[in-house]
Amino acid sequence: MSHELPATQEPSAGFAWRDPAQAEAARYVLLRRLAPAMRHHLVVNLQPIGMVYEVMQRRLRAPQPDLSQALGSAHKIHGFARAALSSCLDVVTWLVPEENAAMPLADGVRECAGLLASNLSFRGYGLRNEVGPLPGQVRRAALRTMLTALLIHATDEQPSPAELVLTAQAGAEGAVLTLTVRPAQGAGGFATEAGYRGLAHQDLEALAAAESVRLEREGWCWRLSLPWVGSAQA
């Protein structure tokens, strides 16, 4: 597949038009595409519990078990269990967003990158997060929805290997988050089935309108303008 730039597309028409049915359909596609990453997010803290339990069980079967080591293993299990519970509660907020929840842009970008980084790396995409702290906060649901959808859409269109670079700046009315996709050298990663249909540009537009986010594209560069929550900050 070639790396030719697509024709520049006009910015989405802000939030003037809304199609609830199309937006809900796009949300469903997004959740289906995020499901493998969410599954990994859930089990990453559960898998070590079984291994630590087996080690603790062997130690307790010894003729003279070292109770301090067993206690240390129990503390590890407790820590992994608490982390797993936190992951489960976090995934629930992806499925049922808290509409009024807000967060700093950098924290939200780091969260989305953490969810998708392993999956993208496996497929041959490098994700570089260059988003630093900005004043003000944005809606967490809008940021999560638009950034994850954009990363999936961009990698649907751009074959690997490629580098995804995230940058941001503060504006008077909101934060402007930019994703730039560049072809890269190296192995193309492992081809995997998407698990569901791709996210089209029309899906992104429907989601952007529903989330009151401005979406623009120029070649392999996308920009998301997310309004500040509360008073405008720059």
C-alpha atoms as a PDB file:
ATOM      1  CA  MET A   1       0.000   0.000   0.000  1.00  0.00           C
ATOM      2  CA  SER A   2       1.217   3.507  -0.771  1.00  0.00           C
ATOM      3  CA  HIS A   3       1.850   6.357   1.623  1.00  0.00           C
ATOM      4  CA  GLU A   4       0.420   9.039  -0.667  1.00  0.00           C
ATOM      5  CA  LEU A   5      -1.298  11.914   1.065  1.00  0.00           C
ATOM      6  CA  PRO A   6      -5.072  12.028   0.749  1.00  0.00           C
ATOM      7  CA  ALA A   7      -6.829  15.091  -0.526  1.00  0.00           C
ATOM      8  CA  THR A   8      -7.204  17.758   2.139  1.00  0.00           C
ATOM      9  CA  GLN A   9     -10.668  17.685   3.667  1.00  0.00           C
ATOM     10  CA  GLU A  10     -12.612  20.711   4.788  1.00  0.00           C
ATOM     11  CA  PRO A  11     -13.053  21.214   8.533  1.00  0.00           C
ATOM     12  CA  SER A  12     -16.179  19.694   9.998  1.00  0.00           C
ATOM     13  CA  ALA A  13     -19.038  22.123  10.310  1.00  0.00           C
ATOM     14  CA  GLY A  14     -18.441  22.699  13.996  1.00  0.00           C
ATOM     15  CA  PHE A  15     -21.376  21.512  16.049  1.00  0.00           C
ATOM     16  CA  ALA A  16     -24.105  23.064  13.905  1.00  0.00           C
ATOM     17  CA  TRP A  17     -25.480  19.726  12.718  1.00  0.00           C
ATOM     18  CA  ARG A  18     -26.180  16.667  14.794  1.00  0.00           C
ATOM     19  CA  ASP A  19     -27.312  13.219  13.780  1.00  0.00           C
ATOM     20  CA  PRO A  20     -27.896  11.229  16.997  1.00  0.00           C
ATOM     21  CA  ALA A  21     -28.361   7.952  15.137  1.00  0.00           C
ATOM     22  CA  GLN A  22     -25.092   8.298  13.226  1.00  0.00           C
ATOM     23  CA  ALA A  23     -23.244   9.356  16.367  1.00  0.00           C
ATOM     24  CA  GLU A  24     -24.562   6.366  18.314  1.00  0.00           C
ATOM     25  CA  ALA A  25     -23.615   4.028  15.480  1.00  0.00           C
ATOM     26  CA  ALA A  26     -20.099   5.502  15.482  1.00  0.00           C
ATOM     27  CA  ARG A  27     -19.855   5.067  19.268  1.00  0.00           C
ATOM     28  CA  TYR A  28     -20.752   1.407  18.905  1.00  0.00           C
ATOM     29  CA  VAL A  29     -18.062   0.916  16.266  1.00  0.00           C
ATOM     30  CA  LEU A  30     -15.544   2.689  18.496  1.00  0.00           C
ATOM     31  CA  LEU A  31     -16.345   0.485  21.495  1.00  0.00           C
ATOM     32  CA  ARG A  32     -16.070  -2.656  19.364  1.00  0.00           C
ATOM     33  CA  ARG A  33     -12.665  -1.523  18.135  1.00  0.00           C
ATOM     34  CA  LEU A  34     -11.533  -0.618  21.670  1.00  0.00           C
ATOM     35  CA  ALA A  35     -12.665  -3.939  23.145  1.00  0.00           C
ATOM     36  CA  PRO A  36      -9.299  -5.782  22.678  1.00  0.00           C
ATOM     37  CA  ALA A  37      -7.403  -2.939  24.354  1.00  0.00           C
ATOM     38  CA  MET A  38      -9.937  -2.818  27.192  1.00  0.00           C
ATOM     39  CA  ARG A  39      -9.633  -6.587  27.681  1.00  0.00           C
ATOM     40  CA  HIS A  40      -5.856  -6.257  27.980  1.00  0.00           C
ATOM     41  CA  HIS A  41      -6.329  -3.320  30.374  1.00  0.00           C
ATOM     42  CA  LEU A  42      -8.527  -5.505  32.587  1.00  0.00           C
ATOM     43  CA  VAL A  43      -6.374  -8.653  32.729  1.00  0.00           C
ATOM     44  CA  VAL A  44      -2.916  -7.073  32.987  1.00  0.00           C
ATOM     45  CA  ASN A  45      -3.243  -6.859  36.788  1.00  0.00           C
ATOM     46  CA  LEU A  46      -5.103 -10.165  37.162  1.00  0.00           C
ATOM     47  CA  GLN A  47      -2.520 -12.422  35.522  1.00  0.00           C
ATOM     48  CA  PRO A  48       0.226 -11.912  38.174  1.00  0.00           C
ATOM     49  CA  ILE A  49      -2.161 -12.904  40.981  1.00  0.00           C
ATOM     50  CA  GLY A  50      -2.171 -16.561  39.906  1.00  0.00           C
ATOM     51  CA  MET A  51       1.614 -16.665  39.588  1.00  0.00           C
ATOM     52  CA  VAL A  52       2.172 -15.090  43.016  1.00  0.00           C
ATOM     53  CA  TYR A  53      -0.379 -17.487  44.526  1.00  0.00           C
ATOM     54  CA  GLU A  54       1.469 -20.531  43.139  1.00  0.00           C
ATOM     55  CA  VAL A  55       4.770 -19.277  44.571  1.00  0.00           C
ATOM     56  CA  MET A  56       3.164 -18.627  47.965  1.00  0.00           C
ATOM     57  CA  GLN A  57       1.542 -22.070  47.942  1.00  0.00           C
ATOM     58  CA  ARG A  58       4.898 -23.798  47.324  1.00  0.00           C
ATOM     59  CA  ARG A  59       6.525 -21.818  50.123  1.00  0.00           C
ATOM     60  CA  LEU A  60       3.774 -22.698  52.577  1.00  0.00           C
ATOM     61  CA  ARG A  61       4.175 -26.425  51.764  1.00  0.00           C
ATOM     62  CA  ALA A  62       7.832 -26.347  52.790  1.00  0.00           C
ATOM     63  CA  PRO A  63       8.723 -28.252  56.017  1.00  0.00           C
ATOM     64  CA  GLN A  64       9.542 -24.951  57.688  1.00  0.00           C
ATOM     65  CA  PRO A  65       7.695 -22.267  55.717  1.00  0.00           C
ATOM     66  CA  ASP A  66       9.054 -18.740  55.810  1.00  0.00           C
ATOM     67  CA  LEU A  67       6.018 -16.819  56.988  1.00  0.00           C
ATOM     68  CA  SER A  68       7.599 -13.439  56.211  1.00  0.00           C
ATOM     69  CA  GLN A  69       7.934 -14.434  52.539  1.00  0.00           C
ATOM     70  CA  ALA A  70       4.344 -15.709  52.516  1.00  0.00           C
ATOM     71  CA  LEU A  71       3.196 -12.435  54.028  1.00  0.00           C
ATOM     72  CA  GLY A  72       5.073 -10.550  51.313  1.00  0.00           C
ATOM     73  CA  SER A  73       3.323 -12.625  48.648  1.00  0.00           C
ATOM     74  CA  ALA A  74      -0.042 -11.897  50.268  1.00  0.00           C
ATOM     75  CA  HIS A  75       0.710  -8.168  50.146  1.00  0.00           C
ATOM     76  CA  LYS A  76       1.550  -8.492  46.452  1.00  0.00           C
ATOM     77  CA  ILE A  77      -1.739 -10.276  45.761  1.00  0.00           C
ATOM     78  CA  HIS A  78      -3.582  -7.543  47.642  1.00  0.00           C
ATOM     79  CA  GLY A  79      -1.834  -4.868  45.581  1.00  0.00           C
ATOM     80  CA  PHE A  80      -2.611  -6.562  42.272  1.00  0.00           C
ATOM     81  CA  ALA A  81      -6.234  -7.100  43.317  1.00  0.00           C
ATOM     82  CA  ARG A  82      -6.655  -3.407  44.174  1.00  0.00           C
ATOM     83  CA  ALA A  83      -5.097  -2.424  40.837  1.00  0.00           C
ATOM     84  CA  ALA A  84      -7.416  -4.845  39.000  1.00  0.00           C
ATOM     85  CA  LEU A  85     -10.453  -3.374  40.763  1.00  0.00           C
ATOM     86  CA  SER A  86      -9.321   0.118  39.799  1.00  0.00           C
ATOM     87  CA  SER A  87      -8.943  -1.005  36.166  1.00  0.00           C
ATOM     88  CA  CYS A  88     -12.458  -2.478  36.176  1.00  0.00           C
ATOM     89  CA  LEU A  89     -13.962   0.722  37.548  1.00  0.00           C
ATOM     90  CA  ASP A  90     -12.027   2.738  34.988  1.00  0.00           C
ATOM     91  CA  VAL A  91     -13.304   0.613  32.087  1.00  0.00           C
ATOM     92  CA  VAL A  92     -16.861   1.180  33.314  1.00  0.00           C
ATOM     93  CA  THR A  93     -16.357   4.929  32.896  1.00  0.00           C
ATOM     94  CA  TRP A  94     -15.370   4.289  29.263  1.00  0.00           C
ATOM     95  CA  LEU A  95     -18.599   2.387  28.708  1.00  0.00           C
ATOM     96  CA  VAL A  96     -20.802   4.781  30.715  1.00  0.00           C
ATOM     97  CA  PRO A  97     -19.058   8.187  30.623  1.00  0.00           C
ATOM     98  CA  GLU A  98     -19.540  10.723  33.395  1.00  0.00           C
ATOM     99  CA  GLU A  99     -20.709  13.609  31.256  1.00  0.00           C
ATOM    100  CA  ASN A 100     -19.620  16.360  33.650  1.00  0.00           C
ATOM    101  CA  ALA A 101     -16.194  14.920  34.433  1.00  0.00           C
ATOM    102  CA  ALA A 102     -13.269  17.132  33.386  1.00  0.00           C
ATOM    103  CA  MET A 103      -9.516  16.642  33.390  1.00  0.00           C
ATOM    104  CA  PRO A 104      -6.286  18.286  32.217  1.00  0.00           C
ATOM    105  CA  LEU A 105      -5.624  17.564  28.557  1.00  0.00           C
ATOM    106  CA  ALA A 106      -2.187  16.041  29.210  1.00  0.00           C
ATOM    107  CA  ASP A 107      -3.642  13.553  31.715  1.00  0.00           C
ATOM    108  CA  GLY A 108      -6.372  12.498  29.291  1.00  0.00           C
ATOM    109  CA  VAL A 109      -3.949  12.061  26.406  1.00  0.00           C
ATOM    110  CA  ARG A 110      -1.666   9.962  28.594  1.00  0.00           C
ATOM    111  CA  GLU A 111      -4.659   7.819  29.594  1.00  0.00           C
ATOM    112  CA  CYS A 112      -5.743   7.208  25.992  1.00  0.00           C
ATOM    113  CA  ALA A 113      -2.175   6.540  24.880  1.00  0.00           C
ATOM    114  CA  GLY A 114      -1.758   4.033  27.693  1.00  0.00           C
ATOM    115  CA  LEU A 115      -4.885   2.184  26.621  1.00  0.00           C
ATOM    116  CA  LEU A 116      -3.888   1.867  22.958  1.00  0.00           C
ATOM    117  CA  ALA A 117      -0.075   1.921  22.964  1.00  0.00           C
ATOM    118  CA  SER A 118       0.452  -1.859  23.229  1.00  0.00           C
ATOM    119  CA  ASN A 119      -2.064  -2.626  20.487  1.00  0.00           C
ATOM    120  CA  LEU A 120      -0.578   0.002  18.183  1.00  0.00           C
ATOM    121  CA  SER A 121       2.986  -1.175  18.825  1.00  0.00           C
ATOM    122  CA  PHE A 122       2.011  -4.766  18.045  1.00  0.00           C
ATOM    123  CA  ARG A 123       0.622  -3.584  14.701  1.00  0.00           C
ATOM    124  CA  GLY A 124       3.774  -1.603  13.845  1.00  0.00           C
ATOM    125  CA  TYR A 125       2.784   1.917  14.931  1.00  0.00           C
ATOM    126  CA  GLY A 126       4.924   4.022  17.222  1.00  0.00           C
ATOM    127  CA  LEU A 127       2.990   6.459  19.411  1.00  0.00           C
ATOM    128  CA  ARG A 128       4.904   9.533  20.590  1.00  0.00           C
ATOM    129  CA  ASN A 129       3.126  11.711  23.131  1.00  0.00           C
ATOM    130  CA  GLU A 130       4.575  15.231  23.192  1.00  0.00           C
ATOM    131  CA  VAL A 131       1.613  16.830  24.963  1.00  0.00           C
ATOM    132  CA  GLY A 132       2.708  18.858  27.961  1.00  0.00           C
ATOM    133  CA  PRO A 133       0.703  20.512  30.742  1.00  0.00           C
ATOM    134  CA  LEU A 134      -1.784  23.180  29.624  1.00  0.00           C
ATOM    135  CA  PRO A 135      -3.911  25.546  31.706  1.00  0.00           C
ATOM    136  CA  GLY A 136      -7.536  24.581  32.069  1.00  0.00           C
ATOM    137  CA  GLN A 137      -9.452  21.343  31.692  1.00  0.00           C
ATOM    138  CA  VAL A 138     -11.511  19.648  28.985  1.00  0.00           C
ATOM    139  CA  ARG A 139     -14.390  17.172  29.127  1.00  0.00           C
ATOM    140  CA  ARG A 140     -12.971  13.720  29.755  1.00  0.00           C
ATOM    141  CA  ALA A 141     -15.667  11.932  27.729  1.00  0.00           C
ATOM    142  CA  ALA A 142     -15.092  14.160  24.692  1.00  0.00           C
ATOM    143  CA  LEU A 143     -11.318  13.741  24.831  1.00  0.00           C
ATOM    144  CA  ARG A 144     -11.480   9.982  25.299  1.00  0.00           C
ATOM    145  CA  THR A 145     -13.996   9.521  22.500  1.00  0.00           C
ATOM    146  CA  MET A 146     -12.329  11.756  19.932  1.00  0.00           C
ATOM    147  CA  LEU A 147      -8.685  10.855  20.555  1.00  0.00           C
ATOM    148  CA  THR A 148      -9.177   7.079  20.575  1.00  0.00           C
ATOM    149  CA  ALA A 149     -11.456   7.284  17.526  1.00  0.00           C
ATOM    150  CA  LEU A 150      -8.906   9.439  15.729  1.00  0.00           C
ATOM    151  CA  LEU A 151      -6.006   7.079  16.493  1.00  0.00           C
ATOM    152  CA  ILE A 152      -8.003   4.107  15.221  1.00  0.00           C
ATOM    153  CA  HIS A 153      -9.177   5.972  12.117  1.00  0.00           C
ATOM    154  CA  ALA A 154      -5.654   7.165  11.280  1.00  0.00           C
ATOM    155  CA  THR A 155      -4.164   3.678  11.576  1.00  0.00           C
ATOM    156  CA  ASP A 156      -6.999   2.241   9.501  1.00  0.00           C
ATOM    157  CA  GLU A 157      -5.920   4.567   6.689  1.00  0.00           C
ATOM    158  CA  GLN A 158      -2.122   4.647   7.084  1.00  0.00           C
ATOM    159  CA  PRO A 159      -0.320   1.305   6.653  1.00  0.00           C
ATOM    160  CA  SER A 160       2.426   0.424   9.113  1.00  0.00           C
ATOM    161  CA  PRO A 161       5.177   1.050   9.907  1.00  0.00           C
ATOM    162  CA  ALA A 162       4.275   4.593  10.873  1.00  0.00           C
ATOM    163  CA  GLU A 163       4.799   7.057  13.677  1.00  0.00           C
ATOM    164  CA  LEU A 164       1.903   8.828  15.405  1.00  0.00           C
ATOM    165  CA  VAL A 165       2.887  12.112  17.045  1.00  0.00           C
ATOM    166  CA  LEU A 166       0.599  13.951  19.468  1.00  0.00           C
ATOM    167  CA  THR A 167       1.131  17.634  20.262  1.00  0.00           C
ATOM    168  CA  ALA A 168      -1.108  20.309  21.784  1.00  0.00           C
ATOM    169  CA  GLN A 169      -1.402  24.004  22.467  1.00  0.00           C
ATOM    170  CA  ALA A 170      -3.749  26.198  24.474  1.00  0.00           C
ATOM    171  CA  GLY A 171      -6.135  28.569  22.752  1.00  0.00           C
ATOM    172  CA  ALA A 172      -8.484  31.212  24.073  1.00  0.00           C
ATOM    173  CA  GLU A 173     -11.542  28.967  23.787  1.00  0.00           C
ATOM    174  CA  GLY A 174     -10.031  25.534  24.233  1.00  0.00           C
ATOM    175  CA  ALA A 175      -7.169  23.132  23.769  1.00  0.00           C
ATOM    176  CA  VAL A 176      -6.019  22.217  20.264  1.00  0.00           C
ATOM    177  CA  LEU A 177      -4.765  18.638  20.047  1.00  0.00           C
ATOM    178  CA  THR A 178      -2.874  17.648  16.891  1.00  0.00           C
ATOM    179  CA  LEU A 179      -2.145  14.167  15.556  1.00  0.00           C
ATOM    180  CA  THR A 180       0.485  13.874  12.825  1.00  0.00           C
ATOM    181  CA  VAL A 181       1.085  10.546  11.081  1.00  0.00           C
ATOM    182  CA  ARG A 182       4.406   9.890   9.361  1.00  0.00           C
ATOM    183  CA  PRO A 183       5.644   6.813   7.505  1.00  0.00           C
ATOM    184  CA  ALA A 184       8.496   5.164   9.392  1.00  0.00           C
ATOM    185  CA  GLN A 185      11.270   2.670   8.754  1.00  0.00           C
ATOM    186  CA  GLY A 186      11.298  -0.824  10.143  1.00  0.00           C
ATOM    187  CA  ALA A 187       9.057  -3.834  10.382  1.00  0.00           C
ATOM    188  CA  GLY A 188       5.394  -3.417   9.647  1.00  0.00           C
ATOM    189  CA  GLY A 189       4.211  -5.235  12.740  1.00  0.00           C
ATOM    190  CA  PHE A 190       1.624  -7.990  12.820  1.00  0.00           C
ATOM    191  CA  ALA A 191      -1.484  -7.730  10.704  1.00  0.00           C
ATOM    192  CA  THR A 192      -4.561  -8.315  12.827  1.00  0.00           C
ATOM    193  CA  GLU A 193      -8.230  -8.395  12.042  1.00  0.00           C
ATOM    194  CA  ALA A 194      -9.915  -5.176  13.088  1.00  0.00           C
ATOM    195  CA  GLY A 195     -12.692  -7.175  14.751  1.00  0.00           C
ATOM    196  CA  TYR A 196     -15.271  -4.853  13.256  1.00  0.00           C
ATOM    197  CA  ARG A 197     -15.577  -2.340  10.453  1.00  0.00           C
ATOM    198  CA  GLY A 198     -13.256   0.634  10.157  1.00  0.00           C
ATOM    199  CA  LEU A 199     -13.963   4.090  11.529  1.00  0.00           C
ATOM    200  CA  ALA A 200     -14.676   6.372   8.592  1.00  0.00           C
ATOM    201  CA  HIS A 201     -14.207  10.127   8.458  1.00  0.00           C
ATOM    202  CA  GLN A 202     -17.998  10.483   8.593  1.00  0.00           C
ATOM    203  CA  ASP A 203     -17.963   8.634  11.910  1.00  0.00           C
ATOM    204  CA  LEU A 204     -15.413  11.088  13.282  1.00  0.00           C
ATOM    205  CA  GLU A 205     -17.545  14.023  12.131  1.00  0.00           C
ATOM    206  CA  ALA A 206     -20.647  12.586  13.797  1.00  0.00           C
ATOM    207  CA  LEU A 207     -18.754  12.017  17.055  1.00  0.00           C
ATOM    208  CA  ALA A 208     -17.189  15.486  16.915  1.00  0.00           C
ATOM    209  CA  ALA A 209     -20.608  17.104  16.464  1.00  0.00           C
ATOM    210  CA  ALA A 210     -22.061  15.090  19.346  1.00  0.00           C
ATOM    211  CA  GLU A 211     -19.134  15.987  21.628  1.00  0.00           C
ATOM    212  CA  SER A 212     -18.999  19.688  20.602  1.00  0.00           C
ATOM    213  CA  VAL A 213     -15.459  19.252  19.288  1.00  0.00           C
ATOM    214  CA  ARG A 214     -14.136  20.871  16.118  1.00  0.00           C
ATOM    215  CA  LEU A 215     -12.390  18.426  13.787  1.00  0.00           C
ATOM    216  CA  GLU A 216     -10.016  19.487  11.004  1.00  0.00           C
ATOM    217  CA  ARG A 217      -7.791  17.542   8.671  1.00  0.00           C
ATOM    218  CA  GLU A 218      -4.969  18.524   6.355  1.00  0.00           C
ATOM    219  CA  GLY A 219      -3.193  15.616   4.701  1.00  0.00           C
ATOM    220  CA  TRP A 220      -1.934  13.292   7.420  1.00  0.00           C
ATOM    221  CA  CYS A 221      -2.490  15.889  10.140  1.00  0.00           C
ATOM    222  CA  TRP A 222      -5.659  16.045  12.229  1.00  0.00           C
ATOM    223  CA  ARG A 223      -6.615  18.738  14.756  1.00  0.00           C
ATOM    224  CA  LEU A 224      -9.160  18.483  17.549  1.00  0.00           C
ATOM    225  CA  SER A 225     -10.339  21.693  19.228  1.00  0.00           C
ATOM    226  CA  LEU A 226     -11.767  20.804  22.635  1.00  0.00           C
ATOM    227  CA  PRO A 227     -13.542  23.596  24.567  1.00  0.00           C
ATOM    228  CA  TRP A 228     -12.329  24.468  28.030  1.00  0.00           C
ATOM    229  CA  VAL A 229     -14.600  23.436  30.878  1.00  0.00           C
ATOM    230  CA  GLY A 230     -15.603  26.474  32.910  1.00  0.00           C
ATOM    231  CA  SER A 231     -13.999  29.827  32.279  1.00  0.00           C
ATOM    232  CA  ALA A 232     -11.853  30.165  29.155  1.00  0.00           C
ATOM    233  CA  GLN A 233      -8.151  29.873  29.818  1.00  0.00           C
ATOM    234  CA  ALA A 234      -5.216  30.393  27.523  1.00  0.00           C
END
